[in-house]
N, C-alpha and C. Protein backbone atom coordinates (compact mmCIF):
# COMPACT_ATOMS: atom_id res chain seq x y z
N MET A 1 0.81 -1.18 0.00
CA MET A 1 0.00 0.00 0.00
C MET A 1 0.86 1.24 0.00
N SER A 2 0.37 2.13 -0.70
CA SER A 2 1.11 3.36 -0.81
C SER A 2 0.64 4.31 0.28
N TRP A 3 1.50 5.09 0.71
CA TRP A 3 1.15 6.04 1.76
C TRP A 3 0.17 7.09 1.24
N TRP A 4 0.10 7.27 -0.08
CA TRP A 4 -0.85 8.24 -0.65
C TRP A 4 -2.27 7.75 -0.46
N ILE A 5 -2.47 6.45 -0.48
CA ILE A 5 -3.81 5.92 -0.28
C ILE A 5 -4.25 6.15 1.15
N GLU A 6 -3.31 6.05 2.08
CA GLU A 6 -3.63 6.25 3.49
C GLU A 6 -3.84 7.74 3.80
N ILE A 7 -3.05 8.56 3.23
CA ILE A 7 -3.11 10.00 3.54
C ILE A 7 -4.16 10.70 2.68
N GLY A 8 -4.54 10.16 1.55
CA GLY A 8 -5.48 10.80 0.63
C GLY A 8 -6.78 11.26 1.28
N PRO A 9 -7.51 10.34 2.00
CA PRO A 9 -8.76 10.79 2.63
C PRO A 9 -8.52 11.88 3.67
N PHE A 10 -7.41 11.74 4.43
CA PHE A 10 -7.11 12.75 5.44
C PHE A 10 -6.83 14.09 4.77
N ALA A 11 -6.05 14.04 3.68
CA ALA A 11 -5.72 15.26 2.96
C ALA A 11 -6.97 15.88 2.35
N ALA A 12 -7.83 15.02 1.78
CA ALA A 12 -9.07 15.53 1.20
C ALA A 12 -9.96 16.14 2.28
N GLY A 13 -10.02 15.50 3.44
CA GLY A 13 -10.80 16.03 4.56
C GLY A 13 -10.25 17.36 5.03
N LEU A 14 -8.94 17.44 5.11
CA LEU A 14 -8.29 18.67 5.54
C LEU A 14 -8.55 19.79 4.55
N VAL A 15 -8.40 19.49 3.27
CA VAL A 15 -8.66 20.50 2.24
C VAL A 15 -10.14 20.89 2.26
N GLY A 16 -11.02 19.92 2.43
CA GLY A 16 -12.46 20.21 2.50
C GLY A 16 -12.80 21.06 3.71
N ALA A 17 -12.18 20.74 4.85
CA ALA A 17 -12.44 21.50 6.07
C ALA A 17 -11.96 22.94 5.92
N ILE A 18 -10.78 23.08 5.33
CA ILE A 18 -10.25 24.43 5.13
C ILE A 18 -11.11 25.19 4.13
N GLY A 19 -11.46 24.55 3.03
CA GLY A 19 -12.31 25.19 2.02
C GLY A 19 -13.70 25.48 2.56
N GLY A 20 -14.26 24.54 3.32
CA GLY A 20 -15.60 24.72 3.89
C GLY A 20 -15.62 25.84 4.91
N SER A 21 -14.55 25.89 5.73
CA SER A 21 -14.51 26.97 6.72
C SER A 21 -14.30 28.32 6.05
N ALA A 22 -13.66 28.31 4.90
CA ALA A 22 -13.49 29.56 4.16
C ALA A 22 -14.78 29.95 3.46
N MET A 23 -15.57 29.00 3.06
CA MET A 23 -16.82 29.28 2.36
C MET A 23 -17.96 29.62 3.32
N ALA A 24 -17.90 29.14 4.53
CA ALA A 24 -18.97 29.39 5.50
C ALA A 24 -19.19 30.89 5.73
N PRO A 25 -18.14 31.68 5.97
CA PRO A 25 -18.37 33.12 6.14
C PRO A 25 -18.95 33.77 4.89
N LYS A 26 -18.51 33.33 3.72
CA LYS A 26 -19.07 33.90 2.48
C LYS A 26 -20.55 33.58 2.37
N LEU A 27 -20.91 32.34 2.63
CA LEU A 27 -22.32 31.95 2.57
C LEU A 27 -23.14 32.71 3.62
N PHE A 28 -22.60 32.79 4.83
CA PHE A 28 -23.29 33.55 5.88
C PHE A 28 -23.40 35.03 5.51
N GLY A 29 -22.32 35.60 4.97
CA GLY A 29 -22.32 37.01 4.56
C GLY A 29 -23.33 37.28 3.46
N ASP A 30 -23.39 36.38 2.48
CA ASP A 30 -24.37 36.53 1.40
C ASP A 30 -25.79 36.46 1.94
N TRP A 31 -26.04 35.51 2.83
CA TRP A 31 -27.37 35.36 3.43
C TRP A 31 -27.75 36.60 4.22
N TRP A 32 -26.80 37.11 5.02
CA TRP A 32 -27.06 38.30 5.83
C TRP A 32 -27.29 39.53 4.96
N LEU A 33 -26.48 39.65 3.89
CA LEU A 33 -26.63 40.79 2.98
C LEU A 33 -28.01 40.78 2.31
N GLU A 34 -28.45 39.63 1.88
CA GLU A 34 -29.78 39.52 1.27
C GLU A 34 -30.87 39.87 2.27
N LYS A 35 -30.70 39.47 3.51
CA LYS A 35 -31.68 39.78 4.56
C LYS A 35 -31.74 41.30 4.80
N VAL A 36 -30.58 41.94 4.84
CA VAL A 36 -30.52 43.40 5.05
C VAL A 36 -31.14 44.13 3.85
N LYS A 37 -30.82 43.67 2.64
CA LYS A 37 -31.40 44.27 1.44
C LYS A 37 -32.93 44.18 1.47
N ALA A 38 -33.44 43.02 1.84
CA ALA A 38 -34.89 42.83 1.89
C ALA A 38 -35.52 43.76 2.92
N ARG A 39 -34.88 43.89 4.09
CA ARG A 39 -35.42 44.77 5.13
C ARG A 39 -35.45 46.23 4.66
N TYR A 40 -34.35 46.69 4.06
CA TYR A 40 -34.30 48.07 3.59
C TYR A 40 -35.23 48.30 2.42
N ALA A 41 -35.40 47.33 1.55
CA ALA A 41 -36.36 47.47 0.45
C ALA A 41 -37.77 47.62 1.00
N LYS A 42 -38.09 46.86 2.05
CA LYS A 42 -39.41 46.96 2.67
C LYS A 42 -39.59 48.33 3.32
N GLU A 43 -38.57 48.80 4.05
CA GLU A 43 -38.65 50.12 4.68
C GLU A 43 -38.76 51.23 3.64
N LEU A 44 -38.01 51.11 2.55
CA LEU A 44 -38.07 52.10 1.47
C LEU A 44 -39.46 52.13 0.85
N ALA A 45 -40.05 50.97 0.64
CA ALA A 45 -41.41 50.90 0.08
C ALA A 45 -42.41 51.56 1.03
N GLU A 46 -42.26 51.34 2.33
CA GLU A 46 -43.15 51.97 3.31
C GLU A 46 -42.99 53.48 3.30
N ILE A 47 -41.75 53.97 3.23
CA ILE A 47 -41.49 55.42 3.20
C ILE A 47 -42.08 56.02 1.93
N GLU A 48 -41.88 55.36 0.79
CA GLU A 48 -42.44 55.85 -0.47
C GLU A 48 -43.97 55.90 -0.40
N HIS A 49 -44.56 54.90 0.21
CA HIS A 49 -46.03 54.87 0.35
C HIS A 49 -46.51 56.02 1.23
N LYS A 50 -45.85 56.23 2.36
CA LYS A 50 -46.23 57.32 3.26
C LYS A 50 -46.05 58.68 2.57
N LEU A 51 -44.95 58.83 1.82
CA LEU A 51 -44.72 60.08 1.10
C LEU A 51 -45.79 60.29 0.04
N SER A 52 -46.15 59.24 -0.65
CA SER A 52 -47.21 59.32 -1.66
C SER A 52 -48.53 59.76 -1.03
N ILE A 53 -48.85 59.20 0.13
CA ILE A 53 -50.09 59.59 0.83
C ILE A 53 -50.01 61.05 1.27
N LEU A 54 -48.87 61.47 1.81
CA LEU A 54 -48.69 62.85 2.26
C LEU A 54 -48.84 63.82 1.09
N LEU A 55 -48.19 63.53 -0.03
CA LEU A 55 -48.29 64.40 -1.20
C LEU A 55 -49.72 64.44 -1.73
N SER A 56 -50.36 63.31 -1.73
CA SER A 56 -51.75 63.25 -2.20
C SER A 56 -52.66 64.06 -1.28
N ASP A 57 -52.46 63.93 0.04
CA ASP A 57 -53.27 64.70 0.99
C ASP A 57 -53.05 66.20 0.81
N ARG A 58 -51.80 66.61 0.63
CA ARG A 58 -51.52 68.04 0.44
C ARG A 58 -52.13 68.55 -0.86
N GLN A 59 -52.02 67.76 -1.91
CA GLN A 59 -52.59 68.18 -3.19
C GLN A 59 -54.11 68.26 -3.08
N ASN A 60 -54.72 67.29 -2.41
CA ASN A 60 -56.17 67.31 -2.23
C ASN A 60 -56.59 68.51 -1.38
N ALA A 61 -55.84 68.79 -0.31
CA ALA A 61 -56.16 69.94 0.54
C ALA A 61 -56.05 71.23 -0.25
N PHE A 62 -55.00 71.36 -1.06
CA PHE A 62 -54.83 72.55 -1.88
C PHE A 62 -55.97 72.67 -2.88
N SER A 63 -56.27 71.55 -3.55
CA SER A 63 -57.34 71.58 -4.56
C SER A 63 -58.68 71.91 -3.91
N MET A 64 -58.96 71.28 -2.78
CA MET A 64 -60.23 71.54 -2.10
C MET A 64 -60.27 72.98 -1.58
N GLY A 65 -59.14 73.43 -1.03
CA GLY A 65 -59.10 74.80 -0.51
C GLY A 65 -59.26 75.83 -1.59
N ALA A 66 -58.60 75.60 -2.71
CA ALA A 66 -58.66 76.57 -3.80
C ALA A 66 -59.98 76.53 -4.54
N SER A 67 -60.63 75.37 -4.56
CA SER A 67 -61.88 75.26 -5.31
C SER A 67 -63.11 75.19 -4.42
N SER A 68 -62.92 75.34 -3.10
CA SER A 68 -64.07 75.27 -2.20
C SER A 68 -64.97 76.50 -2.35
N HIS A 69 -66.16 76.38 -1.89
CA HIS A 69 -67.11 77.49 -1.97
C HIS A 69 -66.59 78.69 -1.18
N MET A 70 -66.04 78.45 0.00
CA MET A 70 -65.54 79.55 0.84
C MET A 70 -64.38 80.27 0.13
N ALA A 71 -63.47 79.50 -0.48
CA ALA A 71 -62.36 80.13 -1.20
C ALA A 71 -62.88 80.95 -2.37
N THR A 72 -63.86 80.42 -3.08
CA THR A 72 -64.44 81.14 -4.21
C THR A 72 -65.10 82.43 -3.75
N VAL A 73 -65.86 82.35 -2.66
CA VAL A 73 -66.52 83.54 -2.12
C VAL A 73 -65.47 84.56 -1.67
N LEU A 74 -64.44 84.08 -0.96
CA LEU A 74 -63.40 84.97 -0.48
C LEU A 74 -62.68 85.67 -1.63
N PHE A 75 -62.32 84.93 -2.66
CA PHE A 75 -61.68 85.54 -3.83
C PHE A 75 -62.62 86.55 -4.48
N ASP A 76 -63.89 86.18 -4.65
CA ASP A 76 -64.85 87.08 -5.28
C ASP A 76 -65.03 88.36 -4.47
N LYS A 77 -65.12 88.24 -3.15
CA LYS A 77 -65.27 89.43 -2.30
C LYS A 77 -64.02 90.29 -2.36
N HIS A 78 -62.86 89.66 -2.34
CA HIS A 78 -61.61 90.42 -2.41
C HIS A 78 -61.53 91.18 -3.74
N ILE A 79 -61.89 90.50 -4.81
CA ILE A 79 -61.87 91.14 -6.13
C ILE A 79 -62.90 92.27 -6.19
N GLY A 80 -64.08 92.03 -5.62
CA GLY A 80 -65.11 93.08 -5.59
C GLY A 80 -64.62 94.32 -4.86
N PHE A 81 -63.98 94.10 -3.70
CA PHE A 81 -63.43 95.23 -2.94
C PHE A 81 -62.36 95.94 -3.76
N CYS A 82 -61.43 95.16 -4.34
CA CYS A 82 -60.33 95.77 -5.10
C CYS A 82 -60.86 96.61 -6.25
N GLU A 83 -61.81 96.08 -6.98
CA GLU A 83 -62.35 96.82 -8.12
C GLU A 83 -63.02 98.11 -7.68
N GLU A 84 -63.83 98.05 -6.62
CA GLU A 84 -64.53 99.25 -6.16
C GLU A 84 -63.53 100.28 -5.60
N TYR A 85 -62.55 99.80 -4.86
CA TYR A 85 -61.57 100.69 -4.25
C TYR A 85 -60.71 101.37 -5.33
N VAL A 86 -60.25 100.59 -6.29
CA VAL A 86 -59.41 101.16 -7.36
C VAL A 86 -60.23 102.12 -8.21
N GLU A 87 -61.49 101.82 -8.46
CA GLU A 87 -62.35 102.73 -9.23
C GLU A 87 -62.50 104.07 -8.51
N ALA A 88 -62.73 104.02 -7.20
CA ALA A 88 -62.86 105.25 -6.43
C ALA A 88 -61.53 106.02 -6.41
N MET A 89 -60.43 105.27 -6.26
CA MET A 89 -59.11 105.91 -6.25
C MET A 89 -58.84 106.56 -7.61
N SER A 90 -59.17 105.89 -8.68
CA SER A 90 -58.94 106.44 -10.03
C SER A 90 -59.78 107.69 -10.26
N LYS A 91 -61.05 107.66 -9.83
CA LYS A 91 -61.90 108.86 -9.98
C LYS A 91 -61.32 110.03 -9.20
N ALA A 92 -60.89 109.76 -7.98
CA ALA A 92 -60.33 110.84 -7.16
C ALA A 92 -59.06 111.40 -7.80
N LEU A 93 -58.22 110.53 -8.33
CA LEU A 93 -56.99 111.01 -8.96
C LEU A 93 -57.29 111.75 -10.26
N GLN A 94 -58.26 111.27 -11.05
CA GLN A 94 -58.64 111.97 -12.28
C GLN A 94 -59.20 113.35 -11.98
N THR A 95 -60.04 113.43 -10.95
CA THR A 95 -60.58 114.73 -10.53
C THR A 95 -59.45 115.67 -10.14
N LEU A 96 -58.51 115.13 -9.42
CA LEU A 96 -57.37 115.92 -8.98
C LEU A 96 -56.55 116.42 -10.18
N ILE A 97 -56.35 115.56 -11.15
CA ILE A 97 -55.57 115.95 -12.34
C ILE A 97 -56.33 116.97 -13.17
N GLN A 98 -57.61 116.71 -13.41
CA GLN A 98 -58.40 117.60 -14.27
C GLN A 98 -58.61 118.96 -13.63
N ALA A 99 -58.91 118.95 -12.35
CA ALA A 99 -59.19 120.21 -11.67
C ALA A 99 -57.90 120.94 -11.31
N GLY A 100 -56.82 120.19 -11.21
CA GLY A 100 -55.55 120.81 -10.86
C GLY A 100 -55.57 121.41 -9.48
N LYS A 101 -56.23 120.73 -8.55
CA LYS A 101 -56.35 121.25 -7.18
C LYS A 101 -55.06 121.02 -6.42
N LYS A 102 -54.12 121.90 -6.58
CA LYS A 102 -52.87 121.76 -5.86
C LYS A 102 -53.01 122.21 -4.41
N ASP A 103 -53.93 123.10 -4.16
CA ASP A 103 -54.07 123.66 -2.82
C ASP A 103 -54.95 122.78 -1.92
N GLN A 104 -55.61 121.80 -2.46
CA GLN A 104 -56.55 121.00 -1.69
C GLN A 104 -56.12 119.53 -1.70
N PRO A 105 -55.99 118.92 -0.51
CA PRO A 105 -55.59 117.51 -0.48
C PRO A 105 -56.70 116.59 -1.00
N LEU A 106 -56.30 115.43 -1.42
CA LEU A 106 -57.25 114.43 -1.92
C LEU A 106 -58.18 114.01 -0.78
N ASP A 107 -59.46 113.91 -1.07
CA ASP A 107 -60.45 113.51 -0.06
C ASP A 107 -60.55 111.98 -0.05
N ALA A 108 -60.27 111.37 1.09
CA ALA A 108 -60.26 109.91 1.20
C ALA A 108 -61.53 109.37 1.86
N LYS A 109 -62.58 110.19 2.00
CA LYS A 109 -63.81 109.73 2.65
C LYS A 109 -64.46 108.58 1.89
N GLU A 110 -64.47 108.66 0.56
CA GLU A 110 -65.07 107.58 -0.24
C GLU A 110 -64.29 106.28 -0.08
N LEU A 111 -62.98 106.39 0.02
CA LEU A 111 -62.15 105.20 0.22
C LEU A 111 -62.46 104.55 1.57
N LEU A 112 -62.63 105.37 2.58
CA LEU A 112 -62.99 104.87 3.91
C LEU A 112 -64.36 104.20 3.88
N ARG A 113 -65.31 104.79 3.17
CA ARG A 113 -66.65 104.20 3.07
C ARG A 113 -66.59 102.81 2.42
N ILE A 114 -65.80 102.70 1.38
CA ILE A 114 -65.65 101.41 0.70
C ILE A 114 -65.00 100.38 1.63
N ARG A 115 -63.98 100.80 2.35
CA ARG A 115 -63.33 99.88 3.30
C ARG A 115 -64.30 99.41 4.37
N GLN A 116 -65.14 100.32 4.85
CA GLN A 116 -66.12 99.93 5.87
C GLN A 116 -67.14 98.95 5.29
N LYS A 117 -67.53 99.17 4.05
CA LYS A 117 -68.50 98.28 3.39
C LYS A 117 -67.94 96.85 3.29
N TRP A 118 -66.67 96.71 2.98
CA TRP A 118 -66.04 95.41 2.75
C TRP A 118 -65.21 94.94 3.95
N ALA A 119 -65.37 95.54 5.11
CA ALA A 119 -64.50 95.28 6.27
C ALA A 119 -64.41 93.80 6.65
N LEU A 120 -65.49 93.07 6.50
CA LEU A 120 -65.49 91.65 6.86
C LEU A 120 -64.48 90.86 6.02
N TRP A 121 -64.23 91.29 4.83
CA TRP A 121 -63.39 90.54 3.89
C TRP A 121 -61.96 91.05 3.81
N LEU A 122 -61.60 92.03 4.65
CA LEU A 122 -60.24 92.56 4.66
C LEU A 122 -59.51 92.04 5.89
N ASN A 123 -58.28 91.60 5.71
CA ASN A 123 -57.51 91.16 6.87
C ASN A 123 -56.76 92.34 7.49
N ASP A 124 -56.19 92.11 8.66
CA ASP A 124 -55.51 93.18 9.40
C ASP A 124 -54.34 93.77 8.61
N GLU A 125 -53.60 92.92 7.93
CA GLU A 125 -52.44 93.40 7.17
C GLU A 125 -52.88 94.39 6.08
N ILE A 126 -53.95 94.05 5.36
CA ILE A 126 -54.44 94.96 4.31
C ILE A 126 -54.94 96.25 4.94
N GLU A 127 -55.65 96.16 6.06
CA GLU A 127 -56.17 97.36 6.74
C GLU A 127 -55.03 98.29 7.14
N VAL A 128 -53.98 97.74 7.76
CA VAL A 128 -52.85 98.57 8.21
C VAL A 128 -52.16 99.22 7.00
N ASN A 129 -51.95 98.43 5.96
CA ASN A 129 -51.29 98.97 4.76
C ASN A 129 -52.15 100.02 4.06
N LEU A 130 -53.47 99.81 4.04
CA LEU A 130 -54.35 100.81 3.44
C LEU A 130 -54.39 102.09 4.27
N ASP A 131 -54.32 101.97 5.60
CA ASP A 131 -54.24 103.17 6.45
C ASP A 131 -53.03 104.01 6.05
N ARG A 132 -51.89 103.35 5.94
CA ARG A 132 -50.65 104.04 5.57
C ARG A 132 -50.76 104.62 4.16
N PHE A 133 -51.30 103.82 3.25
CA PHE A 133 -51.47 104.24 1.86
C PHE A 133 -52.35 105.48 1.78
N GLU A 134 -53.49 105.48 2.47
CA GLU A 134 -54.42 106.61 2.41
C GLU A 134 -53.82 107.87 3.03
N GLN A 135 -53.02 107.70 4.08
CA GLN A 135 -52.35 108.87 4.66
C GLN A 135 -51.39 109.49 3.63
N ASP A 136 -50.67 108.63 2.94
CA ASP A 136 -49.72 109.13 1.94
C ASP A 136 -50.44 109.72 0.73
N ILE A 137 -51.50 109.09 0.29
CA ILE A 137 -52.18 109.50 -0.94
C ILE A 137 -52.90 110.84 -0.76
N THR A 138 -53.38 111.13 0.42
CA THR A 138 -54.11 112.38 0.61
C THR A 138 -53.20 113.59 0.44
N ARG A 139 -51.89 113.37 0.53
CA ARG A 139 -50.96 114.49 0.38
C ARG A 139 -50.68 114.84 -1.08
N ILE A 140 -51.07 113.98 -2.02
CA ILE A 140 -50.76 114.25 -3.43
C ILE A 140 -51.41 115.55 -3.89
N GLY A 141 -52.63 115.79 -3.47
CA GLY A 141 -53.32 116.99 -3.94
C GLY A 141 -52.95 118.23 -3.17
N GLY A 142 -52.35 118.08 -2.02
CA GLY A 142 -52.02 119.25 -1.22
C GLY A 142 -50.71 119.87 -1.63
N ASP A 143 -50.09 120.52 -0.69
CA ASP A 143 -48.82 121.20 -0.97
C ASP A 143 -47.65 120.23 -1.08
N ALA A 144 -47.86 118.99 -0.66
CA ALA A 144 -46.75 118.04 -0.66
C ALA A 144 -46.28 117.74 -2.08
N GLN A 145 -45.00 117.74 -2.24
CA GLN A 145 -44.41 117.42 -3.54
C GLN A 145 -43.92 115.98 -3.47
N VAL A 146 -44.13 115.22 -4.53
CA VAL A 146 -43.69 113.83 -4.57
C VAL A 146 -42.33 113.79 -5.25
N PHE A 147 -41.38 113.04 -4.66
CA PHE A 147 -40.03 112.94 -5.19
C PHE A 147 -39.68 111.49 -5.50
N ASP A 148 -38.78 111.28 -6.47
CA ASP A 148 -38.33 109.92 -6.77
C ASP A 148 -37.18 109.54 -5.85
N ALA A 149 -36.58 108.37 -6.09
CA ALA A 149 -35.51 107.87 -5.22
C ALA A 149 -34.28 108.77 -5.25
N ASN A 150 -34.08 109.53 -6.33
CA ASN A 150 -32.93 110.43 -6.45
C ASN A 150 -33.21 111.82 -5.90
N GLY A 151 -34.42 112.07 -5.43
CA GLY A 151 -34.78 113.36 -4.87
C GLY A 151 -35.32 114.34 -5.88
N ALA A 152 -35.52 113.88 -7.11
CA ALA A 152 -36.05 114.77 -8.16
C ALA A 152 -37.58 114.77 -8.08
N PRO A 153 -38.20 115.92 -8.36
CA PRO A 153 -39.67 115.97 -8.35
C PRO A 153 -40.25 115.02 -9.40
N VAL A 154 -41.37 114.43 -9.06
CA VAL A 154 -42.03 113.47 -9.94
C VAL A 154 -43.29 114.11 -10.49
N SER A 155 -43.56 113.87 -11.77
CA SER A 155 -44.78 114.42 -12.37
C SER A 155 -46.00 113.73 -11.77
N ARG A 156 -47.16 114.37 -11.93
CA ARG A 156 -48.40 113.79 -11.40
C ARG A 156 -48.69 112.43 -12.05
N ASP A 157 -48.43 112.31 -13.36
CA ASP A 157 -48.67 111.02 -14.03
C ASP A 157 -47.81 109.92 -13.44
N THR A 158 -46.54 110.23 -13.20
CA THR A 158 -45.64 109.24 -12.62
C THR A 158 -46.07 108.90 -11.20
N SER A 159 -46.47 109.89 -10.42
CA SER A 159 -46.90 109.61 -9.05
C SER A 159 -48.18 108.79 -9.04
N ILE A 160 -49.05 108.99 -10.00
CA ILE A 160 -50.29 108.19 -10.08
C ILE A 160 -49.94 106.74 -10.41
N ARG A 161 -49.01 106.54 -11.34
CA ARG A 161 -48.59 105.16 -11.64
C ARG A 161 -47.99 104.50 -10.40
N ARG A 162 -47.22 105.27 -9.65
CA ARG A 162 -46.64 104.74 -8.42
C ARG A 162 -47.73 104.40 -7.41
N VAL A 163 -48.77 105.23 -7.34
CA VAL A 163 -49.90 104.98 -6.43
C VAL A 163 -50.57 103.66 -6.79
N ILE A 164 -50.84 103.46 -8.07
CA ILE A 164 -51.49 102.23 -8.52
C ILE A 164 -50.59 101.02 -8.25
N ALA A 165 -49.29 101.15 -8.47
CA ALA A 165 -48.35 100.05 -8.20
C ALA A 165 -48.35 99.71 -6.72
N ASP A 166 -48.34 100.74 -5.86
CA ASP A 166 -48.40 100.50 -4.41
C ASP A 166 -49.70 99.82 -4.03
N LEU A 167 -50.78 100.23 -4.65
CA LEU A 167 -52.08 99.64 -4.36
C LEU A 167 -52.11 98.16 -4.76
N ARG A 168 -51.48 97.84 -5.87
CA ARG A 168 -51.40 96.43 -6.28
C ARG A 168 -50.67 95.59 -5.25
N LYS A 169 -49.59 96.15 -4.70
CA LYS A 169 -48.83 95.42 -3.67
C LYS A 169 -49.69 95.22 -2.42
N ILE A 170 -50.36 96.26 -1.99
CA ILE A 170 -51.17 96.18 -0.77
C ILE A 170 -52.30 95.17 -0.93
N LEU A 171 -52.95 95.19 -2.08
CA LEU A 171 -54.10 94.31 -2.30
C LEU A 171 -53.69 92.92 -2.82
N ALA A 172 -52.40 92.69 -2.98
CA ALA A 172 -51.85 91.39 -3.37
C ALA A 172 -52.42 90.88 -4.70
N THR A 173 -52.65 91.80 -5.62
CA THR A 173 -53.20 91.36 -6.90
C THR A 173 -52.20 90.54 -7.71
N GLU A 174 -50.91 90.83 -7.57
CA GLU A 174 -49.91 90.02 -8.27
C GLU A 174 -49.93 88.58 -7.77
N GLU A 175 -50.00 88.40 -6.44
CA GLU A 175 -50.03 87.06 -5.86
C GLU A 175 -51.28 86.31 -6.30
N LEU A 176 -52.41 86.99 -6.31
CA LEU A 176 -53.66 86.35 -6.73
C LEU A 176 -53.60 85.95 -8.21
N THR A 177 -53.01 86.80 -9.02
CA THR A 177 -52.88 86.48 -10.43
C THR A 177 -51.95 85.27 -10.62
N ASN A 178 -50.84 85.24 -9.88
CA ASN A 178 -49.94 84.10 -9.96
C ASN A 178 -50.61 82.83 -9.47
N LEU A 179 -51.38 82.91 -8.39
CA LEU A 179 -52.11 81.75 -7.89
C LEU A 179 -53.11 81.25 -8.93
N ARG A 180 -53.80 82.16 -9.56
CA ARG A 180 -54.76 81.77 -10.60
C ARG A 180 -54.03 81.06 -11.74
N ASN A 181 -52.87 81.58 -12.13
CA ASN A 181 -52.10 80.94 -13.20
C ASN A 181 -51.66 79.53 -12.83
N VAL A 182 -51.22 79.34 -11.57
CA VAL A 182 -50.82 78.01 -11.11
C VAL A 182 -52.01 77.06 -11.13
N LEU A 183 -53.16 77.53 -10.66
CA LEU A 183 -54.36 76.68 -10.65
C LEU A 183 -54.77 76.29 -12.06
N VAL A 184 -54.75 77.23 -12.97
CA VAL A 184 -55.11 76.92 -14.36
C VAL A 184 -54.11 75.95 -14.95
N GLU A 185 -52.82 76.20 -14.72
CA GLU A 185 -51.78 75.32 -15.26
C GLU A 185 -51.92 73.90 -14.71
N ASN A 186 -52.16 73.78 -13.40
CA ASN A 186 -52.32 72.45 -12.80
C ASN A 186 -53.57 71.74 -13.29
N SER A 187 -54.65 72.46 -13.49
CA SER A 187 -55.86 71.81 -13.96
C SER A 187 -55.73 71.41 -15.42
N VAL A 188 -54.96 72.17 -16.21
CA VAL A 188 -54.71 71.78 -17.60
C VAL A 188 -53.83 70.54 -17.65
N LYS A 189 -52.81 70.47 -16.78
CA LYS A 189 -51.94 69.30 -16.74
C LYS A 189 -52.71 68.05 -16.34
N GLY A 190 -53.64 68.19 -15.39
CA GLY A 190 -54.41 67.04 -14.92
C GLY A 190 -55.56 66.67 -15.82
N SER A 191 -55.85 67.50 -16.79
CA SER A 191 -56.98 67.27 -17.70
C SER A 191 -56.62 66.21 -18.73
N PRO A 192 -57.56 65.31 -19.05
CA PRO A 192 -57.28 64.30 -20.07
C PRO A 192 -57.06 64.91 -21.45
N GLN A 193 -57.54 66.12 -21.71
CA GLN A 193 -57.38 66.74 -23.02
C GLN A 193 -56.04 67.47 -23.13
N ALA A 194 -55.29 67.52 -22.04
CA ALA A 194 -54.04 68.28 -22.07
C ALA A 194 -53.08 67.65 -23.07
N PRO A 195 -52.36 68.49 -23.83
CA PRO A 195 -51.40 67.96 -24.83
C PRO A 195 -50.21 67.32 -24.17
């Protein structure tokens, strides 16, 4: 008998034990890695689902808020106030320009009457800003001279444009117009007829 026949099984066992012990960590590592991947995939799916629900809820709240009866009434009342107020302001300024009443300040009684009529639909911020605006505007017709940022006198036409621009800021007409554009754009995107 050859010694290779006697040592062969022992050598094969030794090589198998060494190879098996080397493969055991790899097999365990692969199993553990797959388990971790599965757990994180499940957690990621749960997070994506929760995010989807949150986004859907916010979109629904926005859509319901923007298209609700109360929002429609509020926008309509705000627009009604803005139109009446700007019309009165324009008439007063036109009268001032046509009559050329430099010695007499602009009368803001009509503006106050309109504000009182629509008081329920005006918030505190608009009221405070309109108070300041009306104090400033009443000086246009009096002895007060209006100056630009460089200190140069401003013509009546330029000061009227500035008055209207200030009024737009106070009444947030730019924001409302932008909101309307976003609503129209979103409803067109969600529409089946959208290109």
